[in-house]
Amino acid sequence: MISNAVLSINSGLTDFRTNILLRLVLILCTMLLLAGVYHAEPFLLFSLIGIAILLSIQIYLLFCYMQSTQREMESFFDAVRYEDGARRINTRFKQSQHLKVLWEELQTQLQQLRQKNEELVRYYSLLLEKVPVALVVVDGEDGKIELVNSAAQQLFKRSYLSAVDQLQDYGAQLALDIQQITAGEQRSSHLLSDQVSIAVALSAAEIQLPGGTKKVISIQPIQRELDRQEILAWQNLVQVFTHEIMNSMTPVASLSKTANELLLTQLDNHGSADEALQDAQQAIHTVARRAEHLMQFVQAYRRIANPPQLKCVDIVVQDLLMDVCRLFQVQAGERAITLECTTIPEHLRLHADPAHVEQALINLVKNAVDALAEKPHGHIVLKAYIGHGGNILIDVIDNGAGIPADKLEQIFVPFYTSKREGTGVGLFLVKQIMQAHRGSVCALQGENGGSVLRLMF
């Protein structure tokens, strides 16, 4: 196509030069004729005037031709500059077959180039929108947010952001990190959603555009992966511990139980006067009892060594909360604790495993009941609603002493318990259940005291 265009240009220039040359030859001939007539018969005024007029007309026509050519070339190059494929060259140029071919070929080429550019724009726009990573484009000079892709809109639950300062709503640390992060740097931060802190990984790159430097920042939530890795590590640790403890304690429990039975038989046969034999029997009995308790303790921890297998269905949340409240109605009544269930909207539905979610709520309500054991007029609220980010939240709220700020994260760690006879399994099991539902659980301090345990789906 380009070679054809070059040939057409050369042919067009040849026609133009030929046309100019012919016009100049005619003008020269007319001037020679005028000079010859003037020298031969200087008094033939009318002939001189006629030839002079003819010469003037020829010069005028040459001037018009060159002006017209200049205008058409300007129009032609303007069409090329602005990619105006709809523009048409005028009739005189269409009479030149070479320029006509050139124009048609350039029109086709411009149209193809424009289509290619449009396809590239659509491709990059689609790529930006469909990439599953939240991307924010920030102006490198004034800090304005110029673009937020769909993944970022879903993350922030907002369709429009214009300035980095607006990110203060999601935590001061996140806004500060996005302002300070430099090209090629990676750092971790936290994003607040419905008062729940979510760990995110930030990375930045710079691009140079004619309008200035732009900073492209990716925001990748990593809280779920961190929780998954933490739970997996604890599961592996518990499996090793339970295996080793059970291997050691099983023969101890069996032998101590057998020894205890033998000593009891001896005491029955010889009477209870032998104090040494009684002391030995009591010691063996204590060993057997503690071994049995330890094995029960290990069995309890075996429950968290295997991740829950979910069977998700649509749940009417209000019915689920009412079922949990009924389970604790008698126990709460004995301790003068009132239970309340609230669901907004009333017919809120949740796609989850009902048995596991109920178990998670039972563990949380049981902890709340235990926390209110010494408090008169205890009150527990189970509240389900839709959060600001569109997530379904279930809060278990009590008016007890609350949880110290430095313990809000520790309570979900296995083996951690503040109860005298607790195992430290319950809340970790809740965390496992929520992680299996691709959700999260967190502990918050109540606005008016007490504590809030929040399940986020």
Protein backbone atom coordinates (compact mmCIF):
# COMPACT_ATOMS: atom_id res chain seq x y z
CA MET A 1 0.00 0.00 0.00
CA ILE A 2 2.81 2.42 0.89
CA SER A 3 4.64 1.70 -2.38
CA ASN A 4 1.45 2.40 -4.30
CA ALA A 5 1.04 5.65 -2.42
CA VAL A 6 4.64 6.65 -3.25
CA LEU A 7 4.08 5.88 -6.92
CA SER A 8 0.88 7.91 -6.86
CA ILE A 9 2.70 10.84 -5.23
CA ASN A 10 5.47 10.72 -7.86
CA SER A 11 2.92 10.54 -10.66
CA GLY A 12 0.93 13.39 -9.14
CA LEU A 13 4.05 15.54 -8.85
CA THR A 14 4.90 14.75 -12.48
CA ASP A 15 1.44 15.91 -13.60
CA PHE A 16 1.76 19.06 -11.52
CA ARG A 17 5.20 19.90 -12.97
CA THR A 18 3.98 19.20 -16.50
CA ASN A 19 0.97 21.46 -15.99
CA ILE A 20 3.10 24.30 -14.62
CA LEU A 21 5.67 23.87 -17.39
CA LEU A 22 3.01 24.03 -20.11
CA ARG A 23 1.49 27.15 -18.58
CA LEU A 24 4.91 28.81 -18.33
CA VAL A 25 5.69 27.87 -21.96
CA LEU A 26 2.39 29.43 -23.07
CA ILE A 27 3.12 32.57 -21.06
CA LEU A 28 6.62 32.75 -22.56
CA CYS A 29 5.25 32.30 -26.08
CA THR A 30 2.68 35.03 -25.46
CA MET A 31 5.41 37.37 -24.19
CA LEU A 32 7.54 36.63 -27.24
CA LEU A 33 4.53 37.25 -29.47
CA LEU A 34 3.88 40.54 -27.68
CA ALA A 35 7.49 41.61 -28.09
CA GLY A 36 7.51 40.61 -31.78
CA VAL A 37 4.33 42.50 -32.56
CA TYR A 38 5.60 45.55 -30.72
CA HIS A 39 8.87 45.66 -32.72
CA ALA A 40 7.22 44.86 -36.04
CA GLU A 41 4.22 47.13 -35.86
CA PRO A 42 4.40 49.28 -32.74
CA PHE A 43 1.36 51.30 -33.80
CA LEU A 44 -1.06 48.33 -33.82
CA LEU A 45 -2.49 49.31 -30.45
CA PHE A 46 -5.41 46.92 -30.49
CA SER A 47 -3.16 43.92 -31.19
CA LEU A 48 -0.82 44.87 -28.38
CA ILE A 49 -3.70 45.33 -25.97
CA GLY A 50 -5.24 42.00 -26.96
CA ILE A 51 -1.96 40.13 -26.54
CA ALA A 52 -1.34 41.88 -23.19
CA ILE A 53 -4.81 40.87 -21.98
CA LEU A 54 -4.15 37.29 -23.09
CA LEU A 55 -0.85 37.36 -21.18
CA SER A 56 -2.57 38.73 -18.07
CA ILE A 57 -5.23 36.03 -18.25
CA GLN A 58 -2.57 33.33 -18.53
CA ILE A 59 -0.67 34.71 -15.55
CA TYR A 60 -3.92 34.97 -13.55
CA LEU A 61 -4.89 31.41 -14.42
CA LEU A 62 -1.42 30.20 -13.37
CA PHE A 63 -1.78 32.03 -10.09
CA CYS A 64 -5.27 30.56 -9.52
CA TYR A 65 -4.04 27.10 -10.37
CA MET A 66 -1.18 27.34 -7.90
CA GLN A 67 -3.47 28.82 -5.21
CA SER A 68 -6.01 26.07 -5.76
CA THR A 69 -3.29 23.45 -5.60
CA GLN A 70 -1.96 24.95 -2.38
CA ARG A 71 -5.41 25.00 -0.78
CA GLU A 72 -6.09 21.43 -1.78
CA MET A 73 -2.72 20.25 -0.46
CA GLU A 74 -3.38 22.05 2.82
CA SER A 75 -6.80 20.44 2.98
CA PHE A 76 -5.26 17.09 2.14
CA PHE A 77 -2.62 17.27 4.88
CA ASP A 78 -5.17 18.58 7.38
CA ALA A 79 -7.21 15.47 6.67
CA VAL A 80 -4.11 13.35 7.31
CA ARG A 81 -3.25 15.28 10.48
CA TYR A 82 -6.70 14.96 12.02
CA GLU A 83 -7.35 11.49 10.57
CA ASP A 84 -10.42 12.85 8.81
CA GLY A 85 -11.35 9.82 6.72
CA ALA A 86 -14.75 11.31 5.93
CA ARG A 87 -13.28 14.29 4.09
CA ARG A 88 -13.36 14.11 0.28
CA ILE A 89 -10.97 15.71 -2.16
CA ASN A 90 -12.60 18.07 -4.64
CA THR A 91 -13.52 17.39 -8.25
CA ARG A 92 -10.38 18.75 -9.83
CA PHE A 93 -8.15 16.42 -7.86
CA LYS A 94 -10.48 13.55 -8.50
CA GLN A 95 -9.87 14.09 -12.16
CA SER A 96 -6.25 13.19 -11.49
CA GLN A 97 -6.28 9.43 -11.33
CA HIS A 98 -3.02 9.28 -9.40
CA LEU A 99 -4.20 11.61 -6.64
CA LYS A 100 -7.53 9.84 -6.51
CA VAL A 101 -5.79 6.50 -5.92
CA LEU A 102 -3.49 8.13 -3.36
CA TRP A 103 -6.44 9.63 -1.52
CA GLU A 104 -8.39 6.39 -1.41
CA GLU A 105 -5.37 4.46 -0.19
CA LEU A 106 -4.64 7.02 2.50
CA GLN A 107 -8.27 6.99 3.55
CA THR A 108 -8.16 3.23 3.93
CA GLN A 109 -4.88 3.41 5.83
CA LEU A 110 -6.16 6.13 8.15
CA GLN A 111 -9.33 4.19 8.84
CA GLN A 112 -7.36 1.04 9.63
CA LEU A 113 -5.02 2.99 11.90
CA ARG A 114 -7.95 4.57 13.73
CA GLN A 115 -9.65 1.19 14.15
CA LYS A 116 -6.41 -0.28 15.46
CA ASN A 117 -6.04 2.55 17.99
CA GLU A 118 -9.66 2.14 19.09
CA GLU A 119 -9.15 -1.59 19.51
CA LEU A 120 -6.03 -0.96 21.60
CA VAL A 121 -7.92 1.51 23.79
CA ARG A 122 -10.77 -0.98 24.25
CA TYR A 123 -8.27 -3.77 24.96
CA TYR A 124 -6.40 -1.84 27.65
CA SER A 125 -9.64 -0.51 29.16
CA LEU A 126 -11.07 -4.03 29.31
CA LEU A 127 -7.81 -5.37 30.74
CA LEU A 128 -7.82 -2.67 33.41
CA GLU A 129 -11.42 -3.37 34.36
CA LYS A 130 -11.19 -7.16 34.36
CA VAL A 131 -7.87 -7.57 36.17
CA PRO A 132 -8.73 -8.99 39.63
CA VAL A 133 -6.33 -6.65 41.43
CA ALA A 134 -7.42 -3.26 42.73
CA LEU A 135 -5.57 -0.52 40.81
CA VAL A 136 -5.50 3.19 41.60
CA VAL A 137 -3.82 5.74 39.30
CA VAL A 138 -2.59 8.83 41.16
CA ASP A 139 -1.20 12.01 39.62
CA GLY A 140 2.45 12.24 40.63
CA GLU A 141 2.31 16.01 41.21
CA ASP A 142 -0.97 16.98 42.89
CA GLY A 143 -1.96 13.58 44.33
CA LYS A 144 -5.35 13.45 42.62
CA ILE A 145 -6.82 10.05 41.87
CA GLU A 146 -7.39 9.86 38.14
CA LEU A 147 -8.57 6.30 37.73
CA VAL A 148 -10.01 3.52 39.88
CA ASN A 149 -10.69 0.14 38.27
CA SER A 150 -13.67 -2.08 39.07
CA ALA A 151 -11.69 -4.26 41.50
CA ALA A 152 -10.76 -1.16 43.50
CA GLN A 153 -14.38 0.02 43.39
CA GLN A 154 -15.47 -3.31 44.87
CA LEU A 155 -12.73 -3.17 47.49
CA PHE A 156 -13.62 0.36 48.62
CA LYS A 157 -17.35 -0.08 47.89
CA ARG A 158 -17.30 3.25 46.07
CA SER A 159 -17.64 3.99 42.38
CA TYR A 160 -15.67 7.24 42.46
CA LEU A 161 -12.58 8.55 44.23
CA SER A 162 -10.98 11.87 43.38
CA ALA A 163 -8.29 12.40 46.02
CA VAL A 164 -6.05 10.30 48.25
CA ASP A 165 -7.49 12.12 51.28
CA GLN A 166 -10.78 10.29 50.70
CA LEU A 167 -8.98 7.07 51.63
CA GLN A 168 -8.85 8.34 55.22
CA ASP A 169 -12.29 6.72 55.55
CA TYR A 170 -10.53 3.35 55.23
CA GLY A 171 -7.80 4.08 57.77
CA ALA A 172 -5.27 6.86 58.19
CA GLN A 173 -2.40 4.40 57.73
CA LEU A 174 -3.67 3.26 54.32
CA ALA A 175 -3.98 6.84 53.03
CA LEU A 176 -0.50 7.68 54.33
CA ASP A 177 1.06 4.56 52.77
CA ILE A 178 -0.51 5.30 49.38
CA GLN A 179 0.81 8.87 49.53
CA GLN A 180 4.33 7.84 50.52
CA ILE A 181 4.88 4.68 48.48
CA THR A 182 7.43 5.14 45.70
CA ALA A 183 7.89 3.44 42.33
CA GLY A 184 9.14 -0.12 42.65
CA GLU A 185 8.39 -0.26 46.38
CA GLN A 186 6.22 -2.86 48.11
CA ARG A 187 4.77 -2.47 51.57
CA SER A 188 1.99 -3.85 53.75
CA SER A 189 -0.83 -1.81 55.20
CA HIS A 190 -4.31 -2.20 56.70
CA LEU A 191 -7.72 -1.29 55.33
CA LEU A 192 -10.70 -0.76 57.62
CA SER A 193 -14.03 -2.15 56.45
CA ASP A 194 -16.96 -2.07 58.89
CA GLN A 195 -14.42 -1.57 61.71
CA VAL A 196 -12.64 -4.77 60.67
CA SER A 197 -8.94 -4.41 59.87
CA ILE A 198 -7.91 -6.18 56.65
CA ALA A 199 -4.24 -6.64 55.77
CA VAL A 200 -3.36 -5.47 52.24
CA ALA A 201 -0.18 -5.51 50.16
CA LEU A 202 0.70 -2.33 48.23
CA SER A 203 3.03 -2.03 45.24
CA ALA A 204 3.66 0.97 42.99
CA ALA A 205 4.97 1.74 39.51
CA GLU A 206 5.49 4.99 37.63
CA ILE A 207 4.58 5.73 34.03
CA GLN A 208 5.58 8.79 32.03
CA LEU A 209 2.79 10.33 29.94
CA PRO A 210 2.63 13.58 27.97
CA GLY A 211 0.45 15.00 30.76
CA GLY A 212 3.03 14.21 33.44
CA THR A 213 4.09 11.39 35.74
CA LYS A 214 1.43 8.95 36.93
CA LYS A 215 1.76 6.53 39.84
CA VAL A 216 -0.05 3.20 39.47
CA ILE A 217 -0.71 1.52 42.84
CA SER A 218 -2.00 -2.02 43.25
CA ILE A 219 -3.85 -2.93 46.44
CA GLN A 220 -4.07 -6.66 47.13
CA PRO A 221 -6.02 -7.91 50.18
CA ILE A 222 -3.93 -10.61 51.87
CA GLN A 223 -5.80 -11.03 55.15
CA ARG A 224 -7.57 -14.19 54.02
CA GLU A 225 -4.32 -15.77 52.88
CA LEU A 226 -2.59 -14.79 56.12
CA ASP A 227 -5.43 -16.34 58.11
CA ARG A 228 -5.30 -19.47 55.97
CA GLN A 229 -1.56 -19.85 56.46
CA GLU A 230 -1.87 -19.22 60.20
CA ILE A 231 -4.63 -21.81 60.57
CA LEU A 232 -2.66 -24.29 58.47
CA ALA A 233 0.42 -23.78 60.64
CA TRP A 234 -1.58 -24.31 63.83
CA GLN A 235 -3.24 -27.40 62.37
CA ASN A 236 0.14 -28.92 61.51
CA LEU A 237 1.47 -28.09 64.95
CA VAL A 238 -1.57 -29.55 66.70
CA GLN A 239 -1.37 -32.72 64.60
CA VAL A 240 2.25 -33.26 65.65
CA PHE A 241 1.54 -32.50 69.30
CA THR A 242 -1.58 -34.66 69.55
CA HIS A 243 0.13 -37.54 67.79
CA GLU A 244 3.13 -37.48 70.10
CA ILE A 245 1.09 -36.91 73.26
CA MET A 246 -1.40 -39.64 72.41
CA ASN A 247 1.42 -42.10 71.68
CA SER A 248 2.91 -41.38 75.08
CA MET A 249 -0.25 -41.04 77.16
CA THR A 250 -2.20 -44.03 75.86
CA PRO A 251 0.04 -46.63 77.57
CA VAL A 252 0.33 -44.41 80.67
CA ALA A 253 -3.45 -44.16 80.98
CA SER A 254 -3.92 -47.88 80.33
CA LEU A 255 -1.22 -49.02 82.75
CA SER A 256 -2.23 -46.60 85.50
CA LYS A 257 -5.84 -47.68 85.20
CA THR A 258 -4.82 -51.35 85.43
CA ALA A 259 -2.52 -50.65 88.40
CA ASN A 260 -5.31 -48.72 90.14
CA GLU A 261 -7.68 -51.68 89.72
CA LEU A 262 -5.05 -54.11 91.05
CA LEU A 263 -4.42 -51.95 94.11
CA LEU A 264 -8.14 -51.66 94.78
CA THR A 265 -8.34 -55.46 94.66
CA GLN A 266 -5.44 -55.76 97.09
CA LEU A 267 -7.07 -53.26 99.44
CA ASP A 268 -10.32 -55.22 99.35
CA ASN A 269 -8.48 -58.46 100.11
CA HIS A 270 -6.25 -57.14 102.90
CA GLY A 271 -8.47 -54.46 104.29
CA SER A 272 -7.83 -50.71 104.34
CA ALA A 273 -5.40 -50.76 107.26
CA ASP A 274 -2.30 -50.65 105.08
CA GLU A 275 -1.68 -46.91 104.74
CA ALA A 276 1.21 -47.34 102.30
CA LEU A 277 -1.00 -49.35 100.00
CA GLN A 278 -3.71 -46.71 100.26
CA ASP A 279 -1.24 -43.95 99.44
CA ALA A 280 0.00 -45.89 96.42
CA GLN A 281 -3.57 -46.49 95.22
CA GLN A 282 -4.48 -42.80 95.55
CA ALA A 283 -1.33 -41.77 93.69
CA ILE A 284 -2.01 -44.23 90.87
CA HIS A 285 -5.64 -43.09 90.77
CA THR A 286 -4.51 -39.46 90.41
CA VAL A 287 -2.15 -40.40 87.60
CA ALA A 288 -4.91 -42.33 85.82
CA ARG A 289 -7.39 -39.46 86.22
CA ARG A 290 -4.94 -36.83 84.93
CA ALA A 291 -3.94 -39.07 82.03
CA GLU A 292 -7.61 -39.47 81.09
CA HIS A 293 -8.17 -35.70 81.28
CA LEU A 294 -5.09 -35.06 79.18
CA MET A 295 -6.32 -37.50 76.55
CA GLN A 296 -9.71 -35.76 76.51
CA PHE A 297 -7.87 -32.45 76.14
CA VAL A 298 -5.93 -33.82 73.18
CA GLN A 299 -9.11 -35.19 71.63
CA ALA A 300 -10.62 -31.70 71.85
CA TYR A 301 -7.67 -30.27 69.95
CA ARG A 302 -7.97 -32.91 67.29
CA ARG A 303 -11.18 -31.16 66.25
CA ILE A 304 -9.20 -28.17 65.00
CA ALA A 305 -6.61 -30.26 63.18
CA ASN A 306 -9.01 -30.88 60.28
CA PRO A 307 -10.62 -28.01 58.33
CA PRO A 308 -14.44 -28.00 58.31
CA GLN A 309 -16.19 -29.42 55.24
CA LEU A 310 -19.00 -27.07 54.25
CA LYS A 311 -22.43 -27.84 52.79
CA CYS A 312 -23.71 -24.37 51.95
CA VAL A 313 -27.39 -23.56 51.46
CA ASP A 314 -29.50 -20.41 51.69
CA ILE A 315 -30.22 -19.64 55.36
CA VAL A 316 -32.90 -17.36 56.80
CA VAL A 317 -30.67 -15.55 59.28
CA GLN A 318 -33.45 -14.63 61.71
CA ASP A 319 -34.40 -18.31 62.13
CA LEU A 320 -30.76 -19.22 62.75
CA LEU A 321 -30.36 -16.58 65.46
CA MET A 322 -33.63 -17.62 67.14
CA ASP A 323 -32.48 -21.26 67.24
CA VAL A 324 -29.24 -20.25 68.98
CA CYS A 325 -31.13 -18.09 71.47
CA ARG A 326 -33.46 -21.02 72.32
CA LEU A 327 -30.44 -23.22 73.10
CA PHE A 328 -29.30 -20.78 75.81
CA GLN A 329 -32.72 -19.72 77.07
CA VAL A 330 -32.65 -21.87 80.21
CA GLN A 331 -28.99 -21.22 81.03
CA ALA A 332 -29.39 -17.49 80.50
CA GLY A 333 -32.57 -17.42 82.59
CA GLU A 334 -30.81 -19.09 85.51
CA ARG A 335 -28.22 -16.28 85.47
CA ALA A 336 -30.73 -13.45 84.88
CA ILE A 337 -29.31 -12.77 81.43
CA THR A 338 -31.62 -11.46 78.70
CA LEU A 339 -31.16 -12.60 75.12
CA GLU A 340 -32.22 -10.52 72.12
CA CYS A 341 -32.18 -11.27 68.38
CA THR A 342 -32.32 -8.57 65.71
CA THR A 343 -32.14 -8.97 61.93
CA ILE A 344 -32.15 -6.04 59.47
CA PRO A 345 -33.78 -6.55 57.02
CA GLU A 346 -36.09 -9.09 58.62
CA HIS A 347 -35.87 -11.61 55.76
CA LEU A 348 -32.10 -11.41 55.38
CA ARG A 349 -30.63 -14.53 53.77
CA LEU A 350 -27.11 -15.94 53.92
CA HIS A 351 -25.50 -18.62 51.74
CA ALA A 352 -23.51 -20.70 54.21
CA ASP A 353 -23.31 -24.01 56.06
CA PRO A 354 -26.04 -23.77 58.73
CA ALA A 355 -24.51 -26.35 61.07
CA HIS A 356 -21.08 -24.71 61.15
CA VAL A 357 -22.40 -21.16 61.41
CA GLU A 358 -24.68 -22.26 64.26
CA GLN A 359 -21.69 -23.87 65.98
CA ALA A 360 -19.70 -20.65 65.62
CA LEU A 361 -22.56 -18.63 67.14
CA ILE A 362 -22.98 -21.17 69.96
CA ASN A 363 -19.29 -20.77 70.87
CA LEU A 364 -19.59 -16.97 70.86
CA VAL A 365 -22.81 -16.87 72.89
CA LYS A 366 -21.41 -19.38 75.38
CA ASN A 367 -18.39 -17.13 75.92
CA ALA A 368 -20.69 -14.14 76.36
CA VAL A 369 -22.80 -16.02 78.93
CA ASP A 370 -19.65 -16.99 80.84
CA ALA A 371 -18.42 -13.38 80.73
CA LEU A 372 -21.68 -12.22 82.37
CA ALA A 373 -21.60 -14.82 85.17
CA GLU A 374 -20.79 -12.25 87.86
CA LYS A 375 -22.69 -9.32 86.35
CA PRO A 376 -26.26 -8.49 87.35
CA HIS A 377 -28.71 -7.62 84.57
CA GLY A 378 -26.58 -9.19 81.86
CA HIS A 379 -27.69 -8.59 78.30
CA ILE A 380 -26.67 -10.36 75.07
CA VAL A 381 -27.73 -9.23 71.61
CA LEU A 382 -27.40 -11.24 68.39
CA LYS A 383 -27.62 -8.73 65.56
CA ALA A 384 -27.47 -9.48 61.82
CA TYR A 385 -27.36 -6.73 59.21
CA ILE A 386 -25.72 -5.60 55.99
CA GLY A 387 -22.56 -3.54 56.54
CA HIS A 388 -21.46 -0.43 54.67
CA GLY A 389 -19.38 -2.55 52.33
CA GLY A 390 -22.29 -4.84 51.42
CA ASN A 391 -21.06 -7.74 53.57
CA ILE A 392 -23.47 -9.61 55.84
CA LEU A 393 -22.42 -9.09 59.47
CA ILE A 394 -23.52 -10.97 62.58
CA ASP A 395 -22.58 -9.36 65.90
CA VAL A 396 -22.68 -11.03 69.31
CA ILE A 397 -22.79 -8.13 71.77
CA ASP A 398 -22.64 -8.32 75.57
CA ASN A 399 -22.48 -5.74 78.33
CA GLY A 400 -19.80 -7.52 80.34
CA ALA A 401 -16.37 -6.29 81.38
CA GLY A 402 -15.13 -6.28 77.79
CA ILE A 403 -11.88 -7.50 76.29
CA PRO A 404 -8.63 -5.57 76.92
CA ALA A 405 -7.28 -3.90 73.77
CA ASP A 406 -4.07 -5.93 73.86
CA LYS A 407 -6.04 -9.20 73.94
CA LEU A 408 -8.37 -8.56 70.98
CA GLU A 409 -6.13 -10.52 68.60
CA GLN A 410 -4.80 -13.09 71.07
CA ILE A 411 -8.19 -14.60 71.89
CA PHE A 412 -8.29 -16.35 68.49
CA VAL A 413 -4.97 -18.13 69.04
CA PRO A 414 -5.16 -21.84 69.95
CA PHE A 415 -4.37 -22.73 73.58
CA TYR A 416 -5.15 -19.15 74.69
CA THR A 417 -7.92 -18.95 77.28
CA SER A 418 -8.87 -16.70 80.19
CA LYS A 419 -11.10 -19.40 81.76
CA ARG A 420 -9.86 -21.63 84.51
CA GLU A 421 -11.02 -24.80 82.78
CA GLY A 422 -10.98 -23.55 79.21
CA THR A 423 -9.19 -25.33 76.38
CA GLY A 424 -8.61 -22.38 74.05
CA VAL A 425 -10.33 -24.21 71.18
CA GLY A 426 -13.69 -22.47 70.81
CA LEU A 427 -12.70 -19.15 69.25
CA PHE A 428 -10.05 -20.71 67.05
CA LEU A 429 -12.71 -23.09 65.74
CA VAL A 430 -14.88 -20.04 64.98
CA LYS A 431 -11.98 -18.55 63.04
CA GLN A 432 -11.60 -21.80 61.09
CA ILE A 433 -15.29 -21.85 60.23
CA MET A 434 -15.25 -18.24 59.01
CA GLN A 435 -12.07 -18.80 57.01
CA ALA A 436 -13.74 -21.78 55.31
CA HIS A 437 -16.64 -19.45 54.40
CA ARG A 438 -14.12 -16.96 52.95
CA GLY A 439 -15.10 -14.58 55.72
CA SER A 440 -13.52 -13.34 58.93
CA VAL A 441 -14.12 -12.89 62.65
CA CYS A 442 -12.88 -10.11 64.88
CA ALA A 443 -13.30 -8.85 68.42
CA LEU A 444 -14.15 -5.23 69.15
CA GLN A 445 -14.70 -3.18 72.26
CA GLY A 446 -18.32 -2.13 72.71
CA GLU A 447 -19.25 1.54 72.43
CA ASN A 448 -20.71 1.52 75.95
CA GLY A 449 -18.48 -1.15 77.43
CA GLY A 450 -18.70 -4.87 76.95
CA SER A 451 -17.48 -6.62 73.83
CA VAL A 452 -18.56 -7.28 70.26
CA LEU A 453 -17.62 -10.47 68.39
CA ARG A 454 -18.28 -9.88 64.69
CA LEU A 455 -18.68 -12.46 61.95
CA MET A 456 -18.20 -10.98 58.47
CA PHE A 457 -19.44 -12.98 55.47
